[in-house]
């Protein structure tokens, strides 16, 4: 179905954790995707971008941030890219707008009982334009069942279609 004033986008930003070649592919994707996000925003439609961005934006978004400063997903360039979306281009981190609590993660390594110990990263997002972000009313990270290394992130919007 098409909505004249709304675009909902699902995205998977590549992970760079398997090596330098994959990290460079991630950087190329980020460089190419930013103009697309800006073009969508300039269209005048409200945008909700949902998905695995593979970037923990701030220290609150990752359990062991000090130990991950040089790891893909928490590199300064990656954090700067997503920070630019928020601070310069007006996209909103809707989850963080609704839930400022620490230790709210959406991804856990399959190693070392990370899930059981809640040693995670928040790398899944709803990034939205300001008008629709203002209509966000509730959010949740579904952890009642474990389907994969990610947990579903849901946000309820009161936005007329």
C-alpha atoms as a PDB file:
ATOM      1  CA  UNK A   1       0.000   0.000   0.000  1.00  0.00           C
ATOM      2  CA  UNK A   2       1.249   3.508  -0.718  1.00  0.00           C
ATOM      3  CA  UNK A   3       0.768   6.432   1.607  1.00  0.00           C
ATOM      4  CA  UNK A   4       1.126   9.893   0.094  1.00  0.00           C
ATOM      5  CA  UNK A   5       2.694  11.487   3.178  1.00  0.00           C
ATOM      6  CA  UNK A   6       4.618   8.559   4.680  1.00  0.00           C
ATOM      7  CA  UNK A   7       7.450   6.224   3.756  1.00  0.00           C
ATOM      8  CA  UNK A   8       8.389   3.250   5.934  1.00  0.00           C
ATOM      9  CA  UNK A   9      11.774   1.787   5.115  1.00  0.00           C
ATOM     10  CA  UNK A  10      13.439  -1.394   6.298  1.00  0.00           C
ATOM     11  CA  UNK A  11      17.221  -1.366   6.202  1.00  0.00           C
ATOM     12  CA  UNK A  12      20.165  -3.558   7.007  1.00  0.00           C
ATOM     13  CA  UNK A  13      23.431  -1.632   7.172  1.00  0.00           C
ATOM     14  CA  UNK A  14      26.304  -4.048   6.555  1.00  0.00           C
ATOM     15  CA  UNK A  15      28.398  -5.174   9.471  1.00  0.00           C
ATOM     16  CA  UNK A  16      32.097  -4.502   9.336  1.00  0.00           C
ATOM     17  CA  UNK A  17      33.031  -6.819  12.165  1.00  0.00           C
ATOM     18  CA  UNK A  18      34.457  -9.637  10.044  1.00  0.00           C
ATOM     19  CA  UNK A  19      37.398  -7.629   8.728  1.00  0.00           C
ATOM     20  CA  UNK A  20      38.735  -4.539   7.026  1.00  0.00           C
ATOM     21  CA  UNK A  21      37.223  -5.373   3.630  1.00  0.00           C
ATOM     22  CA  UNK A  22      33.735  -5.610   5.156  1.00  0.00           C
ATOM     23  CA  UNK A  23      34.324  -2.419   7.172  1.00  0.00           C
ATOM     24  CA  UNK A  24      35.179  -0.569   3.976  1.00  0.00           C
ATOM     25  CA  UNK A  25      32.006  -1.976   2.356  1.00  0.00           C
ATOM     26  CA  UNK A  26      30.044  -0.635   5.334  1.00  0.00           C
ATOM     27  CA  UNK A  27      31.619   2.804   4.936  1.00  0.00           C
ATOM     28  CA  UNK A  28      30.786   2.792   1.198  1.00  0.00           C
ATOM     29  CA  UNK A  29      27.176   1.888   2.000  1.00  0.00           C
ATOM     30  CA  UNK A  30      26.925   4.672   4.584  1.00  0.00           C
ATOM     31  CA  UNK A  31      28.370   7.190   2.119  1.00  0.00           C
ATOM     32  CA  UNK A  32      25.897   6.176  -0.597  1.00  0.00           C
ATOM     33  CA  UNK A  33      22.881   5.860   1.711  1.00  0.00           C
ATOM     34  CA  UNK A  34      23.133   9.285   3.376  1.00  0.00           C
ATOM     35  CA  UNK A  35      22.197  11.258   0.220  1.00  0.00           C
ATOM     36  CA  UNK A  36      19.227   8.902  -0.267  1.00  0.00           C
ATOM     37  CA  UNK A  37      17.982   9.610   3.272  1.00  0.00           C
ATOM     38  CA  UNK A  38      18.382  13.342   2.693  1.00  0.00           C
ATOM     39  CA  UNK A  39      16.504  13.124  -0.614  1.00  0.00           C
ATOM     40  CA  UNK A  40      13.656  11.231   1.064  1.00  0.00           C
ATOM     41  CA  UNK A  41      13.441  13.834   3.806  1.00  0.00           C
ATOM     42  CA  UNK A  42      13.479  16.657   1.256  1.00  0.00           C
ATOM     43  CA  UNK A  43      10.503  15.066  -0.526  1.00  0.00           C
ATOM     44  CA  UNK A  44       8.256  16.335   2.251  1.00  0.00           C
ATOM     45  CA  UNK A  45       7.073  12.867   3.227  1.00  0.00           C
ATOM     46  CA  UNK A  46       7.372  11.680   6.788  1.00  0.00           C
ATOM     47  CA  UNK A  47       9.974   8.913   7.059  1.00  0.00           C
ATOM     48  CA  UNK A  48      10.324   5.991   9.447  1.00  0.00           C
ATOM     49  CA  UNK A  49      13.460   3.968   8.830  1.00  0.00           C
ATOM     50  CA  UNK A  50      13.486   0.703  10.772  1.00  0.00           C
ATOM     51  CA  UNK A  51      16.193  -1.863  10.968  1.00  0.00           C
ATOM     52  CA  UNK A  52      19.618  -3.057  11.897  1.00  0.00           C
ATOM     53  CA  UNK A  53      21.941  -0.091  11.488  1.00  0.00           C
ATOM     54  CA  UNK A  54      24.887  -1.964  13.049  1.00  0.00           C
ATOM     55  CA  UNK A  55      25.952   1.152  14.965  1.00  0.00           C
ATOM     56  CA  UNK A  56      25.638   1.832  18.689  1.00  0.00           C
ATOM     57  CA  UNK A  57      25.301   5.608  18.735  1.00  0.00           C
ATOM     58  CA  UNK A  58      26.259   6.537  22.301  1.00  0.00           C
ATOM     59  CA  UNK A  59      27.874   4.969  25.342  1.00  0.00           C
ATOM     60  CA  UNK A  60      24.415   4.240  26.777  1.00  0.00           C
ATOM     61  CA  UNK A  61      23.741   2.033  23.734  1.00  0.00           C
ATOM     62  CA  UNK A  62      26.457  -0.534  24.450  1.00  0.00           C
ATOM     63  CA  UNK A  63      27.355  -2.382  27.633  1.00  0.00           C
ATOM     64  CA  UNK A  64      31.150  -2.350  27.297  1.00  0.00           C
ATOM     65  CA  UNK A  65      31.683   0.886  25.402  1.00  0.00           C
ATOM     66  CA  UNK A  66      35.267   1.466  26.591  1.00  0.00           C
ATOM     67  CA  UNK A  67      36.363  -1.918  25.298  1.00  0.00           C
ATOM     68  CA  UNK A  68      34.674  -1.378  21.930  1.00  0.00           C
ATOM     69  CA  UNK A  69      35.979   2.034  20.902  1.00  0.00           C
ATOM     70  CA  UNK A  70      38.062   0.453  18.109  1.00  0.00           C
ATOM     71  CA  UNK A  71      35.474  -2.141  17.040  1.00  0.00           C
ATOM     72  CA  UNK A  72      33.085  -2.002  14.122  1.00  0.00           C
ATOM     73  CA  UNK A  73      29.712  -0.766  15.261  1.00  0.00           C
ATOM     74  CA  UNK A  74      31.175   1.744  17.706  1.00  0.00           C
ATOM     75  CA  UNK A  75      33.890   3.400  15.631  1.00  0.00           C
ATOM     76  CA  UNK A  76      34.024   7.210  15.759  1.00  0.00           C
ATOM     77  CA  UNK A  77      33.271   7.444  12.017  1.00  0.00           C
ATOM     78  CA  UNK A  78      30.162   5.281  12.384  1.00  0.00           C
ATOM     79  CA  UNK A  79      28.918   7.126  15.437  1.00  0.00           C
ATOM     80  CA  UNK A  80      29.591  10.422  13.669  1.00  0.00           C
ATOM     81  CA  UNK A  81      27.531   9.313  10.670  1.00  0.00           C
ATOM     82  CA  UNK A  82      24.454   8.444  12.710  1.00  0.00           C
ATOM     83  CA  UNK A  83      24.993  11.493  14.929  1.00  0.00           C
ATOM     84  CA  UNK A  84      24.949  13.664  11.798  1.00  0.00           C
ATOM     85  CA  UNK A  85      21.571  12.186  10.847  1.00  0.00           C
ATOM     86  CA  UNK A  86      20.225  13.309  14.226  1.00  0.00           C
ATOM     87  CA  UNK A  87      22.086  16.537  14.928  1.00  0.00           C
ATOM     88  CA  UNK A  88      22.416  18.029  11.441  1.00  0.00           C
ATOM     89  CA  UNK A  89      19.690  16.482   9.302  1.00  0.00           C
ATOM     90  CA  UNK A  90      16.851  16.327  11.828  1.00  0.00           C
ATOM     91  CA  UNK A  91      16.193  12.606  12.007  1.00  0.00           C
ATOM     92  CA  UNK A  92      15.099  11.414  15.449  1.00  0.00           C
ATOM     93  CA  UNK A  93      16.188   8.322  17.385  1.00  0.00           C
ATOM     94  CA  UNK A  94      12.598   7.497  18.347  1.00  0.00           C
ATOM     95  CA  UNK A  95      13.460   4.732  20.807  1.00  0.00           C
ATOM     96  CA  UNK A  96      15.823   6.997  22.756  1.00  0.00           C
ATOM     97  CA  UNK A  97      13.268   9.819  22.684  1.00  0.00           C
ATOM     98  CA  UNK A  98      10.806   7.518  24.472  1.00  0.00           C
ATOM     99  CA  UNK A  99      13.163   5.460  26.620  1.00  0.00           C
ATOM    100  CA  UNK A 100      16.286   7.092  28.100  1.00  0.00           C
ATOM    101  CA  UNK A 101      17.105   4.138  30.370  1.00  0.00           C
ATOM    102  CA  UNK A 102      20.496   2.427  30.127  1.00  0.00           C
ATOM    103  CA  UNK A 103      20.949  -1.268  29.328  1.00  0.00           C
ATOM    104  CA  UNK A 104      18.211  -1.378  26.692  1.00  0.00           C
ATOM    105  CA  UNK A 105      19.787  -3.526  24.013  1.00  0.00           C
ATOM    106  CA  UNK A 106      18.587  -5.173  20.803  1.00  0.00           C
ATOM    107  CA  UNK A 107      21.602  -7.363  19.950  1.00  0.00           C
ATOM    108  CA  UNK A 108      23.793  -9.757  21.933  1.00  0.00           C
ATOM    109  CA  UNK A 109      26.765 -11.802  20.859  1.00  0.00           C
ATOM    110  CA  UNK A 110      26.239 -15.557  20.830  1.00  0.00           C
ATOM    111  CA  UNK A 111      29.404 -15.884  22.923  1.00  0.00           C
ATOM    112  CA  UNK A 112      29.949 -15.833  26.665  1.00  0.00           C
ATOM    113  CA  UNK A 113      26.316 -15.827  27.790  1.00  0.00           C
ATOM    114  CA  UNK A 114      25.950 -12.238  26.574  1.00  0.00           C
ATOM    115  CA  UNK A 115      22.157 -12.514  26.348  1.00  0.00           C
ATOM    116  CA  UNK A 116      21.764 -14.022  29.817  1.00  0.00           C
ATOM    117  CA  UNK A 117      24.045 -11.335  31.289  1.00  0.00           C
ATOM    118  CA  UNK A 118      22.511  -8.540  29.147  1.00  0.00           C
ATOM    119  CA  UNK A 119      25.896  -7.618  27.695  1.00  0.00           C
ATOM    120  CA  UNK A 120      24.459  -6.118  24.553  1.00  0.00           C
ATOM    121  CA  UNK A 121      24.335  -3.369  21.978  1.00  0.00           C
ATOM    122  CA  UNK A 122      21.415  -1.263  20.761  1.00  0.00           C
ATOM    123  CA  UNK A 123      21.980  -1.365  17.019  1.00  0.00           C
ATOM    124  CA  UNK A 124      18.372  -1.644  15.826  1.00  0.00           C
ATOM    125  CA  UNK A 125      16.506   1.610  15.311  1.00  0.00           C
ATOM    126  CA  UNK A 126      13.461   3.534  14.305  1.00  0.00           C
ATOM    127  CA  UNK A 127      14.892   6.695  12.749  1.00  0.00           C
ATOM    128  CA  UNK A 128      12.140   9.145  11.879  1.00  0.00           C
ATOM    129  CA  UNK A 129      11.468  12.651  10.700  1.00  0.00           C
ATOM    130  CA  UNK A 130      10.446  15.025  13.473  1.00  0.00           C
ATOM    131  CA  UNK A 131       6.711  15.243  12.765  1.00  0.00           C
ATOM    132  CA  UNK A 132       6.074  11.509  12.899  1.00  0.00           C
ATOM    133  CA  UNK A 133       8.558  11.064  15.763  1.00  0.00           C
ATOM    134  CA  UNK A 134       6.381  13.418  17.827  1.00  0.00           C
ATOM    135  CA  UNK A 135       3.479  10.964  17.455  1.00  0.00           C
ATOM    136  CA  UNK A 136       5.449   8.047  18.964  1.00  0.00           C
ATOM    137  CA  UNK A 137       3.683   6.869  22.090  1.00  0.00           C
ATOM    138  CA  UNK A 138       5.236   3.637  23.284  1.00  0.00           C
ATOM    139  CA  UNK A 139       8.215   1.425  22.630  1.00  0.00           C
ATOM    140  CA  UNK A 140       9.317  -2.057  23.568  1.00  0.00           C
ATOM    141  CA  UNK A 141      12.118  -4.490  22.962  1.00  0.00           C
ATOM    142  CA  UNK A 142      10.602  -7.965  22.826  1.00  0.00           C
ATOM    143  CA  UNK A 143      12.697 -10.359  24.912  1.00  0.00           C
ATOM    144  CA  UNK A 144      10.072 -12.887  26.027  1.00  0.00           C
ATOM    145  CA  UNK A 145      11.373 -15.327  23.429  1.00  0.00           C
ATOM    146  CA  UNK A 146      14.796 -15.446  21.776  1.00  0.00           C
ATOM    147  CA  UNK A 147      14.512 -15.804  18.012  1.00  0.00           C
ATOM    148  CA  UNK A 148      18.020 -14.756  17.001  1.00  0.00           C
ATOM    149  CA  UNK A 149      20.882 -12.609  18.247  1.00  0.00           C
ATOM    150  CA  UNK A 150      18.552  -9.584  17.771  1.00  0.00           C
ATOM    151  CA  UNK A 151      15.378  -8.736  19.658  1.00  0.00           C
ATOM    152  CA  UNK A 152      12.472  -7.040  17.854  1.00  0.00           C
ATOM    153  CA  UNK A 153      12.107  -3.317  18.513  1.00  0.00           C
ATOM    154  CA  UNK A 154       8.535  -1.983  18.299  1.00  0.00           C
ATOM    155  CA  UNK A 155       7.245   1.565  18.434  1.00  0.00           C
ATOM    156  CA  UNK A 156       3.606   2.636  18.417  1.00  0.00           C
ATOM    157  CA  UNK A 157       2.818   5.790  16.450  1.00  0.00           C
ATOM    158  CA  UNK A 158      -0.419   7.780  16.453  1.00  0.00           C
ATOM    159  CA  UNK A 159      -0.020   9.095  12.914  1.00  0.00           C
ATOM    160  CA  UNK A 160      -2.956   9.478  10.556  1.00  0.00           C
ATOM    161  CA  UNK A 161      -2.623   7.507   7.359  1.00  0.00           C
END
